Amino acid sequence: MNTAERMTERARRQAVLSTLLFATGQTATARDLRDTVENVHGITATVDRIRADLAWLQDIGMVRLAGDAATITEEGREVVTGRRDLPGVH
């Protein structure tokens, strides 16, 4: 993966976490996240790419998944608010 791809990946993951932070109940489906990441953040992604990002974010404790819905964790909130640095997101 080249530098531009890594930067896009980080921006997309940051956008996913930011979207979850401001979502009702801090929860959203992969499709809703994809739509917001595209419409608000200007980052084009497939639903499958968002699901892969969510799986990665769950593996490192930033979100919890229940079916196709994701909820941001306290650790994820700390990343969005800048209290915690996370390689692969910032």
PDB file of N, CA and C in Angstrom:
ATOM      1  N   MET A   1       0.850  -1.177   0.000  1.00  0.00           N
ATOM      2  CA  MET A   1       0.000   0.000   0.000  1.00  0.00           C
ATOM      3  C   MET A   1       0.897   1.242   0.000  1.00  0.00           C
ATOM      4  N   ASN A   2       0.608   2.160  -0.913  1.00  0.00           N
ATOM      5  CA  ASN A   2       1.430   3.374  -0.987  1.00  0.00           C
ATOM      6  C   ASN A   2       0.936   4.437   0.006  1.00  0.00           C
ATOM      7  N   THR A   3       1.669   5.511   0.082  1.00  0.00           N
ATOM      8  CA  THR A   3       1.373   6.570   1.056  1.00  0.00           C
ATOM      9  C   THR A   3      -0.011   7.174   0.835  1.00  0.00           C
ATOM     10  N   ALA A   4      -0.388   7.426  -0.397  1.00  0.00           N
ATOM     11  CA  ALA A   4      -1.699   8.015  -0.690  1.00  0.00           C
ATOM     12  C   ALA A   4      -2.823   7.077  -0.248  1.00  0.00           C
ATOM     13  N   GLU A   5      -2.659   5.783  -0.485  1.00  0.00           N
ATOM     14  CA  GLU A   5      -3.671   4.812  -0.065  1.00  0.00           C
ATOM     15  C   GLU A   5      -3.777   4.756   1.454  1.00  0.00           C
ATOM     16  N   ARG A   6      -2.652   4.825   2.139  1.00  0.00           N
ATOM     17  CA  ARG A   6      -2.667   4.827   3.610  1.00  0.00           C
ATOM     18  C   ARG A   6      -3.370   6.072   4.147  1.00  0.00           C
ATOM     19  N   MET A   7      -3.106   7.211   3.515  1.00  0.00           N
ATOM     20  CA  MET A   7      -3.751   8.456   3.955  1.00  0.00           C
ATOM     21  C   MET A   7      -5.258   8.384   3.740  1.00  0.00           C
ATOM     22  N   THR A   8      -5.692   7.825   2.619  1.00  0.00           N
ATOM     23  CA  THR A   8      -7.117   7.665   2.338  1.00  0.00           C
ATOM     24  C   THR A   8      -7.755   6.720   3.347  1.00  0.00           C
ATOM     25  N   GLU A   9      -7.071   5.634   3.650  1.00  0.00           N
ATOM     26  CA  GLU A   9      -7.575   4.666   4.625  1.00  0.00           C
ATOM     27  C   GLU A   9      -7.741   5.323   5.999  1.00  0.00           C
ATOM     28  N   ARG A  10      -6.753   6.069   6.423  1.00  0.00           N
ATOM     29  CA  ARG A  10      -6.819   6.755   7.720  1.00  0.00           C
ATOM     30  C   ARG A  10      -7.953   7.767   7.751  1.00  0.00           C
ATOM     31  N   ALA A  11      -8.085   8.534   6.678  1.00  0.00           N
ATOM     32  CA  ALA A  11      -9.152   9.541   6.612  1.00  0.00           C
ATOM     33  C   ALA A  11     -10.518   8.866   6.654  1.00  0.00           C
ATOM     34  N   ARG A  12     -10.666   7.758   5.954  1.00  0.00           N
ATOM     35  CA  ARG A  12     -11.942   7.041   5.941  1.00  0.00           C
ATOM     36  C   ARG A  12     -12.277   6.495   7.329  1.00  0.00           C
ATOM     37  N   ARG A  13     -11.312   5.905   7.986  1.00  0.00           N
ATOM     38  CA  ARG A  13     -11.551   5.366   9.335  1.00  0.00           C
ATOM     39  C   ARG A  13     -11.873   6.482  10.326  1.00  0.00           C
ATOM     40  N   GLN A  14     -11.174   7.605  10.205  1.00  0.00           N
ATOM     41  CA  GLN A  14     -11.467   8.759  11.057  1.00  0.00           C
ATOM     42  C   GLN A  14     -12.881   9.258  10.791  1.00  0.00           C
ATOM     43  N   ALA A  15     -13.278   9.290   9.525  1.00  0.00           N
ATOM     44  CA  ALA A  15     -14.625   9.730   9.162  1.00  0.00           C
ATOM     45  C   ALA A  15     -15.680   8.780   9.735  1.00  0.00           C
ATOM     46  N   VAL A  16     -15.408   7.488   9.699  1.00  0.00           N
ATOM     47  CA  VAL A  16     -16.337   6.504  10.269  1.00  0.00           C
ATOM     48  C   VAL A  16     -16.506   6.756  11.767  1.00  0.00           C
ATOM     49  N   LEU A  17     -15.396   6.918  12.474  1.00  0.00           N
ATOM     50  CA  LEU A  17     -15.479   7.165  13.916  1.00  0.00           C
ATOM     51  C   LEU A  17     -16.174   8.489  14.220  1.00  0.00           C
ATOM     52  N   SER A  18     -15.875   9.519  13.469  1.00  0.00           N
ATOM     53  CA  SER A  18     -16.518  10.822  13.686  1.00  0.00           C
ATOM     54  C   SER A  18     -18.016  10.732  13.447  1.00  0.00           C
ATOM     55  N   THR A  19     -18.396  10.017  12.407  1.00  0.00           N
ATOM     56  CA  THR A  19     -19.816   9.844  12.102  1.00  0.00           C
ATOM     57  C   THR A  19     -20.521   9.119  13.240  1.00  0.00           C
ATOM     58  N   LEU A  20     -19.887   8.084  13.761  1.00  0.00           N
ATOM     59  CA  LEU A  20     -20.482   7.352  14.889  1.00  0.00           C
ATOM     60  C   LEU A  20     -20.607   8.232  16.124  1.00  0.00           C
ATOM     61  N   LEU A  21     -19.621   9.066  16.366  1.00  0.00           N
ATOM     62  CA  LEU A  21     -19.661   9.937  17.542  1.00  0.00           C
ATOM     63  C   LEU A  21     -20.905  10.821  17.531  1.00  0.00           C
ATOM     64  N   PHE A  22     -21.293  11.298  16.356  1.00  0.00           N
ATOM     65  CA  PHE A  22     -22.412  12.231  16.249  1.00  0.00           C
ATOM     66  C   PHE A  22     -23.725  11.571  15.837  1.00  0.00           C
ATOM     67  N   ALA A  23     -23.725  10.262  15.618  1.00  0.00           N
ATOM     68  CA  ALA A  23     -24.945   9.548  15.244  1.00  0.00           C
ATOM     69  C   ALA A  23     -25.855   9.378  16.458  1.00  0.00           C
ATOM     70  N   THR A  24     -27.132   9.277  16.212  1.00  0.00           N
ATOM     71  CA  THR A  24     -28.094   9.015  17.280  1.00  0.00           C
ATOM     72  C   THR A  24     -27.713   7.722  17.992  1.00  0.00           C
ATOM     73  N   GLY A  25     -27.538   7.786  19.296  1.00  0.00           N
ATOM     74  CA  GLY A  25     -27.133   6.624  20.073  1.00  0.00           C
ATOM     75  C   GLY A  25     -25.706   6.187  19.794  1.00  0.00           C
ATOM     76  N   GLN A  26     -24.967   7.012  19.042  1.00  0.00           N
ATOM     77  CA  GLN A  26     -23.591   6.710  18.653  1.00  0.00           C
ATOM     78  C   GLN A  26     -23.488   5.348  17.964  1.00  0.00           C
ATOM     79  N   THR A  27     -24.548   5.018  17.198  1.00  0.00           N
ATOM     80  CA  THR A  27     -24.664   3.750  16.481  1.00  0.00           C
ATOM     81  C   THR A  27     -25.152   4.016  15.064  1.00  0.00           C
ATOM     82  N   ALA A  28     -24.636   3.267  14.101  1.00  0.00           N
ATOM     83  CA  ALA A  28     -25.097   3.380  12.716  1.00  0.00           C
ATOM     84  C   ALA A  28     -24.796   2.081  11.986  1.00  0.00           C
ATOM     85  N   THR A  29     -25.541   1.833  10.911  1.00  0.00           N
ATOM     86  CA  THR A  29     -25.284   0.666  10.071  1.00  0.00           C
ATOM     87  C   THR A  29     -24.159   0.981   9.091  1.00  0.00           C
ATOM     88  N   ALA A  30     -23.591  -0.055   8.515  1.00  0.00           N
ATOM     89  CA  ALA A  30     -22.513   0.120   7.534  1.00  0.00           C
ATOM     90  C   ALA A  30     -22.994   0.956   6.351  1.00  0.00           C
ATOM     91  N   ARG A  31     -24.212   0.735   5.884  1.00  0.00           N
ATOM     92  CA  ARG A  31     -24.748   1.484   4.752  1.00  0.00           C
ATOM     93  C   ARG A  31     -24.907   2.962   5.104  1.00  0.00           C
ATOM     94  N   ASP A  32     -25.432   3.246   6.303  1.00  0.00           N
ATOM     95  CA  ASP A  32     -25.576   4.646   6.733  1.00  0.00           C
ATOM     96  C   ASP A  32     -24.206   5.310   6.881  1.00  0.00           C
ATOM     97  N   LEU A  33     -23.246   4.562   7.395  1.00  0.00           N
ATOM     98  CA  LEU A  33     -21.885   5.100   7.525  1.00  0.00           C
ATOM     99  C   LEU A  33     -21.300   5.408   6.152  1.00  0.00           C
ATOM    100  N   ARG A  34     -21.471   4.486   5.205  1.00  0.00           N
ATOM    101  CA  ARG A  34     -20.974   4.709   3.850  1.00  0.00           C
ATOM    102  C   ARG A  34     -21.580   5.976   3.262  1.00  0.00           C
ATOM    103  N   ASP A  35     -22.900   6.131   3.416  1.00  0.00           N
ATOM    104  CA  ASP A  35     -23.583   7.309   2.861  1.00  0.00           C
ATOM    105  C   ASP A  35     -23.053   8.597   3.475  1.00  0.00           C
ATOM    106  N   THR A  36     -22.856   8.615   4.786  1.00  0.00           N
ATOM    107  CA  THR A  36     -22.372   9.819   5.458  1.00  0.00           C
ATOM    108  C   THR A  36     -20.909  10.085   5.133  1.00  0.00           C
ATOM    109  N   VAL A  37     -20.096   9.044   5.088  1.00  0.00           N
ATOM    110  CA  VAL A  37     -18.685   9.218   4.740  1.00  0.00           C
ATOM    111  C   VAL A  37     -18.579   9.849   3.346  1.00  0.00           C
ATOM    112  N   GLU A  38     -19.439   9.433   2.430  1.00  0.00           N
ATOM    113  CA  GLU A  38     -19.419  10.007   1.083  1.00  0.00           C
ATOM    114  C   GLU A  38     -20.003  11.416   1.054  1.00  0.00           C
ATOM    115  N   ASN A  39     -21.191  11.597   1.632  1.00  0.00           N
ATOM    116  CA  ASN A  39     -21.910  12.867   1.517  1.00  0.00           C
ATOM    117  C   ASN A  39     -21.356  13.979   2.393  1.00  0.00           C
ATOM    118  N   VAL A  40     -20.858  13.649   3.558  1.00  0.00           N
ATOM    119  CA  VAL A  40     -20.367  14.670   4.488  1.00  0.00           C
ATOM    120  C   VAL A  40     -18.848  14.844   4.374  1.00  0.00           C
ATOM    121  N   HIS A  41     -18.141  13.744   4.300  1.00  0.00           N
ATOM    122  CA  HIS A  41     -16.676  13.794   4.312  1.00  0.00           C
ATOM    123  C   HIS A  41     -16.052  13.745   2.921  1.00  0.00           C
ATOM    124  N   GLY A  42     -16.856  13.448   1.909  1.00  0.00           N
ATOM    125  CA  GLY A  42     -16.358  13.425   0.537  1.00  0.00           C
ATOM    126  C   GLY A  42     -15.437  12.270   0.216  1.00  0.00           C
ATOM    127  N   ILE A  43     -15.565  11.168   0.947  1.00  0.00           N
ATOM    128  CA  ILE A  43     -14.713  10.000   0.739  1.00  0.00           C
ATOM    129  C   ILE A  43     -15.564   8.877   0.149  1.00  0.00           C
ATOM    130  N   THR A  44     -15.239   8.463  -1.063  1.00  0.00           N
ATOM    131  CA  THR A  44     -15.980   7.395  -1.731  1.00  0.00           C
ATOM    132  C   THR A  44     -15.527   6.045  -1.196  1.00  0.00           C
ATOM    133  N   ALA A  45     -16.500   5.198  -0.858  1.00  0.00           N
ATOM    134  CA  ALA A  45     -16.183   3.866  -0.348  1.00  0.00           C
ATOM    135  C   ALA A  45     -17.356   2.938  -0.624  1.00  0.00           C
ATOM    136  N   THR A  46     -17.072   1.665  -0.741  1.00  0.00           N
ATOM    137  CA  THR A  46     -18.138   0.676  -0.856  1.00  0.00           C
ATOM    138  C   THR A  46     -18.605   0.286   0.544  1.00  0.00           C
ATOM    139  N   VAL A  47     -19.784  -0.310   0.619  1.00  0.00           N
ATOM    140  CA  VAL A  47     -20.269  -0.808   1.908  1.00  0.00           C
ATOM    141  C   VAL A  47     -19.328  -1.902   2.416  1.00  0.00           C
ATOM    142  N   ASP A  48     -18.826  -2.738   1.522  1.00  0.00           N
ATOM    143  CA  ASP A  48     -17.880  -3.790   1.938  1.00  0.00           C
ATOM    144  C   ASP A  48     -16.604  -3.193   2.526  1.00  0.00           C
ATOM    145  N   ARG A  49     -16.110  -2.096   1.955  1.00  0.00           N
ATOM    146  CA  ARG A  49     -14.908  -1.431   2.483  1.00  0.00           C
ATOM    147  C   ARG A  49     -15.199  -0.883   3.871  1.00  0.00           C
ATOM    148  N   ILE A  50     -16.380  -0.295   4.067  1.00  0.00           N
ATOM    149  CA  ILE A  50     -16.761   0.212   5.388  1.00  0.00           C
ATOM    150  C   ILE A  50     -16.865  -0.943   6.377  1.00  0.00           C
ATOM    151  N   ARG A  51     -17.441  -2.054   5.954  1.00  0.00           N
ATOM    152  CA  ARG A  51     -17.526  -3.227   6.838  1.00  0.00           C
ATOM    153  C   ARG A  51     -16.135  -3.726   7.226  1.00  0.00           C
ATOM    154  N   ALA A  52     -15.210  -3.728   6.276  1.00  0.00           N
ATOM    155  CA  ALA A  52     -13.835  -4.153   6.581  1.00  0.00           C
ATOM    156  C   ALA A  52     -13.189  -3.185   7.576  1.00  0.00           C
ATOM    157  N   ASP A  53     -13.427  -1.880   7.385  1.00  0.00           N
ATOM    158  CA  ASP A  53     -12.902  -0.897   8.342  1.00  0.00           C
ATOM    159  C   ASP A  53     -13.513  -1.113   9.723  1.00  0.00           C
ATOM    160  N   LEU A  54     -14.805  -1.389   9.766  1.00  0.00           N
ATOM    161  CA  LEU A  54     -15.462  -1.624  11.057  1.00  0.00           C
ATOM    162  C   LEU A  54     -14.897  -2.863  11.747  1.00  0.00           C
ATOM    163  N   ALA A  55     -14.626  -3.910  10.980  1.00  0.00           N
ATOM    164  CA  ALA A  55     -14.033  -5.122  11.568  1.00  0.00           C
ATOM    165  C   ALA A  55     -12.664  -4.797  12.146  1.00  0.00           C
ATOM    166  N   TRP A  56     -11.862  -4.013  11.421  1.00  0.00           N
ATOM    167  CA  TRP A  56     -10.544  -3.607  11.912  1.00  0.00           C
ATOM    168  C   TRP A  56     -10.687  -2.748  13.162  1.00  0.00           C
ATOM    169  N   LEU A  57     -11.607  -1.792  13.127  1.00  0.00           N
ATOM    170  CA  LEU A  57     -11.827  -0.923  14.294  1.00  0.00           C
ATOM    171  C   LEU A  57     -12.327  -1.718  15.494  1.00  0.00           C
ATOM    172  N   GLN A  58     -13.144  -2.745  15.251  1.00  0.00           N
ATOM    173  CA  GLN A  58     -13.590  -3.598  16.358  1.00  0.00           C
ATOM    174  C   GLN A  58     -12.415  -4.385  16.933  1.00  0.00           C
ATOM    175  N   ASP A  59     -11.560  -4.904  16.076  1.00  0.00           N
ATOM    176  CA  ASP A  59     -10.398  -5.681  16.532  1.00  0.00           C
ATOM    177  C   ASP A  59      -9.508  -4.891  17.477  1.00  0.00           C
ATOM    178  N   ILE A  60      -9.453  -3.565  17.289  1.00  0.00           N
ATOM    179  CA  ILE A  60      -8.592  -2.754  18.149  1.00  0.00           C
ATOM    180  C   ILE A  60      -9.389  -1.984  19.218  1.00  0.00           C
ATOM    181  N   GLY A  61     -10.685  -2.311  19.345  1.00  0.00           N
ATOM    182  CA  GLY A  61     -11.480  -1.777  20.453  1.00  0.00           C
ATOM    183  C   GLY A  61     -12.097  -0.403  20.251  1.00  0.00           C
ATOM    184  N   MET A  62     -12.158   0.070  19.012  1.00  0.00           N
ATOM    185  CA  MET A  62     -12.721   1.408  18.765  1.00  0.00           C
ATOM    186  C   MET A  62     -14.228   1.388  18.567  1.00  0.00           C
ATOM    187  N   VAL A  63     -14.764   0.237  18.126  1.00  0.00           N
ATOM    188  CA  VAL A  63     -16.209   0.082  17.937  1.00  0.00           C
ATOM    189  C   VAL A  63     -16.623  -1.303  18.403  1.00  0.00           C
ATOM    190  N   ARG A  64     -17.932  -1.436  18.630  1.00  0.00           N
ATOM    191  CA  ARG A  64     -18.540  -2.741  18.889  1.00  0.00           C
ATOM    192  C   ARG A  64     -19.512  -3.004  17.751  1.00  0.00           C
ATOM    193  N   LEU A  65     -19.510  -4.227  17.237  1.00  0.00           N
ATOM    194  CA  LEU A  65     -20.419  -4.590  16.157  1.00  0.00           C
ATOM    195  C   LEU A  65     -21.502  -5.514  16.668  1.00  0.00           C
ATOM    196  N   ALA A  66     -22.720  -5.274  16.166  1.00  0.00           N
ATOM    197  CA  ALA A  66     -23.862  -6.143  16.427  1.00  0.00           C
ATOM    198  C   ALA A  66     -24.567  -6.307  15.089  1.00  0.00           C
ATOM    199  N   GLY A  67     -24.261  -7.402  14.411  1.00  0.00           N
ATOM    200  CA  GLY A  67     -24.782  -7.564  13.057  1.00  0.00           C
ATOM    201  C   GLY A  67     -24.128  -6.538  12.151  1.00  0.00           C
ATOM    202  N   ASP A  68     -24.955  -5.736  11.478  1.00  0.00           N
ATOM    203  CA  ASP A  68     -24.435  -4.726  10.556  1.00  0.00           C
ATOM    204  C   ASP A  68     -24.354  -3.339  11.195  1.00  0.00           C
ATOM    205  N   ALA A  69     -24.632  -3.263  12.502  1.00  0.00           N
ATOM    206  CA  ALA A  69     -24.596  -1.977  13.199  1.00  0.00           C
ATOM    207  C   ALA A  69     -23.334  -1.865  14.041  1.00  0.00           C
ATOM    208  N   ALA A  70     -22.780  -0.650  14.055  1.00  0.00           N
ATOM    209  CA  ALA A  70     -21.572  -0.378  14.841  1.00  0.00           C
ATOM    210  C   ALA A  70     -21.876   0.703  15.862  1.00  0.00           C
ATOM    211  N   THR A  71     -21.265   0.566  17.032  1.00  0.00           N
ATOM    212  CA  THR A  71     -21.370   1.555  18.096  1.00  0.00           C
ATOM    213  C   THR A  71     -19.969   1.934  18.516  1.00  0.00           C
ATOM    214  N   ILE A  72     -19.708   3.227  18.622  1.00  0.00           N
ATOM    215  CA  ILE A  72     -18.384   3.690  19.026  1.00  0.00           C
ATOM    216  C   ILE A  72     -18.164   3.391  20.511  1.00  0.00           C
ATOM    217  N   THR A  73     -16.955   3.019  20.871  1.00  0.00           N
ATOM    218  CA  THR A  73     -16.593   2.761  22.263  1.00  0.00           C
ATOM    219  C   THR A  73     -15.956   4.015  22.868  1.00  0.00           C
ATOM    220  N   GLU A  74     -15.683   3.963  24.147  1.00  0.00           N
ATOM    221  CA  GLU A  74     -14.999   5.077  24.810  1.00  0.00           C
ATOM    222  C   GLU A  74     -13.635   5.326  24.168  1.00  0.00           C
ATOM    223  N   GLU A  75     -12.926   4.252  23.834  1.00  0.00           N
ATOM    224  CA  GLU A  75     -11.636   4.396  23.184  1.00  0.00           C
ATOM    225  C   GLU A  75     -11.777   5.092  21.829  1.00  0.00           C
ATOM    226  N   GLY A  76     -12.814   4.743  21.085  1.00  0.00           N
ATOM    227  CA  GLY A  76     -13.072   5.390  19.811  1.00  0.00           C
ATOM    228  C   GLY A  76     -13.396   6.863  19.976  1.00  0.00           C
ATOM    229  N   ARG A  77     -14.162   7.182  21.001  1.00  0.00           N
ATOM    230  CA  ARG A  77     -14.477   8.595  21.287  1.00  0.00           C
ATOM    231  C   ARG A  77     -13.199   9.370  21.606  1.00  0.00           C
ATOM    232  N   GLU A  78     -12.286   8.745  22.340  1.00  0.00           N
ATOM    233  CA  GLU A  78     -11.016   9.407  22.673  1.00  0.00           C
ATOM    234  C   GLU A  78     -10.182   9.685  21.423  1.00  0.00           C
ATOM    235  N   VAL A  79     -10.225   8.799  20.445  1.00  0.00           N
ATOM    236  CA  VAL A  79      -9.497   9.026  19.196  1.00  0.00           C
ATOM    237  C   VAL A  79     -10.104  10.205  18.445  1.00  0.00           C
ATOM    238  N   VAL A  80     -11.425  10.233  18.326  1.00  0.00           N
ATOM    239  CA  VAL A  80     -12.095  11.314  17.593  1.00  0.00           C
ATOM    240  C   VAL A  80     -11.837  12.667  18.237  1.00  0.00           C
ATOM    241  N   THR A  81     -11.841  12.716  19.555  1.00  0.00           N
ATOM    242  CA  THR A  81     -11.663  13.990  20.251  1.00  0.00           C
ATOM    243  C   THR A  81     -10.196  14.373  20.429  1.00  0.00           C
ATOM    244  N   GLY A  82      -9.284  13.534  19.950  1.00  0.00           N
ATOM    245  CA  GLY A  82      -7.862  13.864  20.000  1.00  0.00           C
ATOM    246  C   GLY A  82      -7.183  13.544  21.316  1.00  0.00           C
ATOM    247  N   ARG A  83      -7.856  12.842  22.195  1.00  0.00           N
ATOM    248  CA  ARG A  83      -7.244  12.464  23.478  1.00  0.00           C
ATOM    249  C   ARG A  83      -6.324  11.256  23.346  1.00  0.00           C
ATOM    250  N   ARG A  84      -6.503  10.512  22.257  1.00  0.00           N
ATOM    251  CA  ARG A  84      -5.717   9.296  22.032  1.00  0.00           C
ATOM    252  C   ARG A  84      -5.283   9.285  20.576  1.00  0.00           C
ATOM    253  N   ASP A  85      -4.027   8.959  20.343  1.00  0.00           N
ATOM    254  CA  ASP A  85      -3.514   8.828  18.975  1.00  0.00           C
ATOM    255  C   ASP A  85      -3.548   7.356  18.621  1.00  0.00           C
ATOM    256  N   LEU A  86      -3.919   7.080  17.395  1.00  0.00           N
ATOM    257  CA  LEU A  86      -4.008   5.692  16.968  1.00  0.00           C
ATOM    258  C   LEU A  86      -3.462   5.552  15.561  1.00  0.00           C
ATOM    259  N   PRO A  87      -2.341   4.857  15.408  1.00  0.00           N
ATOM    260  CA  PRO A  87      -1.840   4.598  14.060  1.00  0.00           C
ATOM    261  C   PRO A  87      -2.901   3.868  13.239  1.00  0.00           C
ATOM    262  N   GLY A  88      -3.072   4.276  12.013  1.00  0.00           N
ATOM    263  CA  GLY A  88      -4.092   3.668  11.164  1.00  0.00           C
ATOM    264  C   GLY A  88      -5.372   4.473  11.151  1.00  0.00           C
ATOM    265  N   VAL A  89      -5.469   5.453  12.060  1.00  0.00           N
ATOM    266  CA  VAL A  89      -6.635   6.337  12.081  1.00  0.00           C
ATOM    267  C   VAL A  89      -6.180   7.769  11.948  1.00  0.00           C
ATOM    268  N   HIS A  90      -5.156   8.165  12.666  1.00  0.00           N
ATOM    269  CA  HIS A  90      -4.641   9.538  12.575  1.00  0.00           C
ATOM    270  C   HIS A  90      -3.440   9.582  11.678  1.00  0.00           C
TER     271      HIS A  90
END
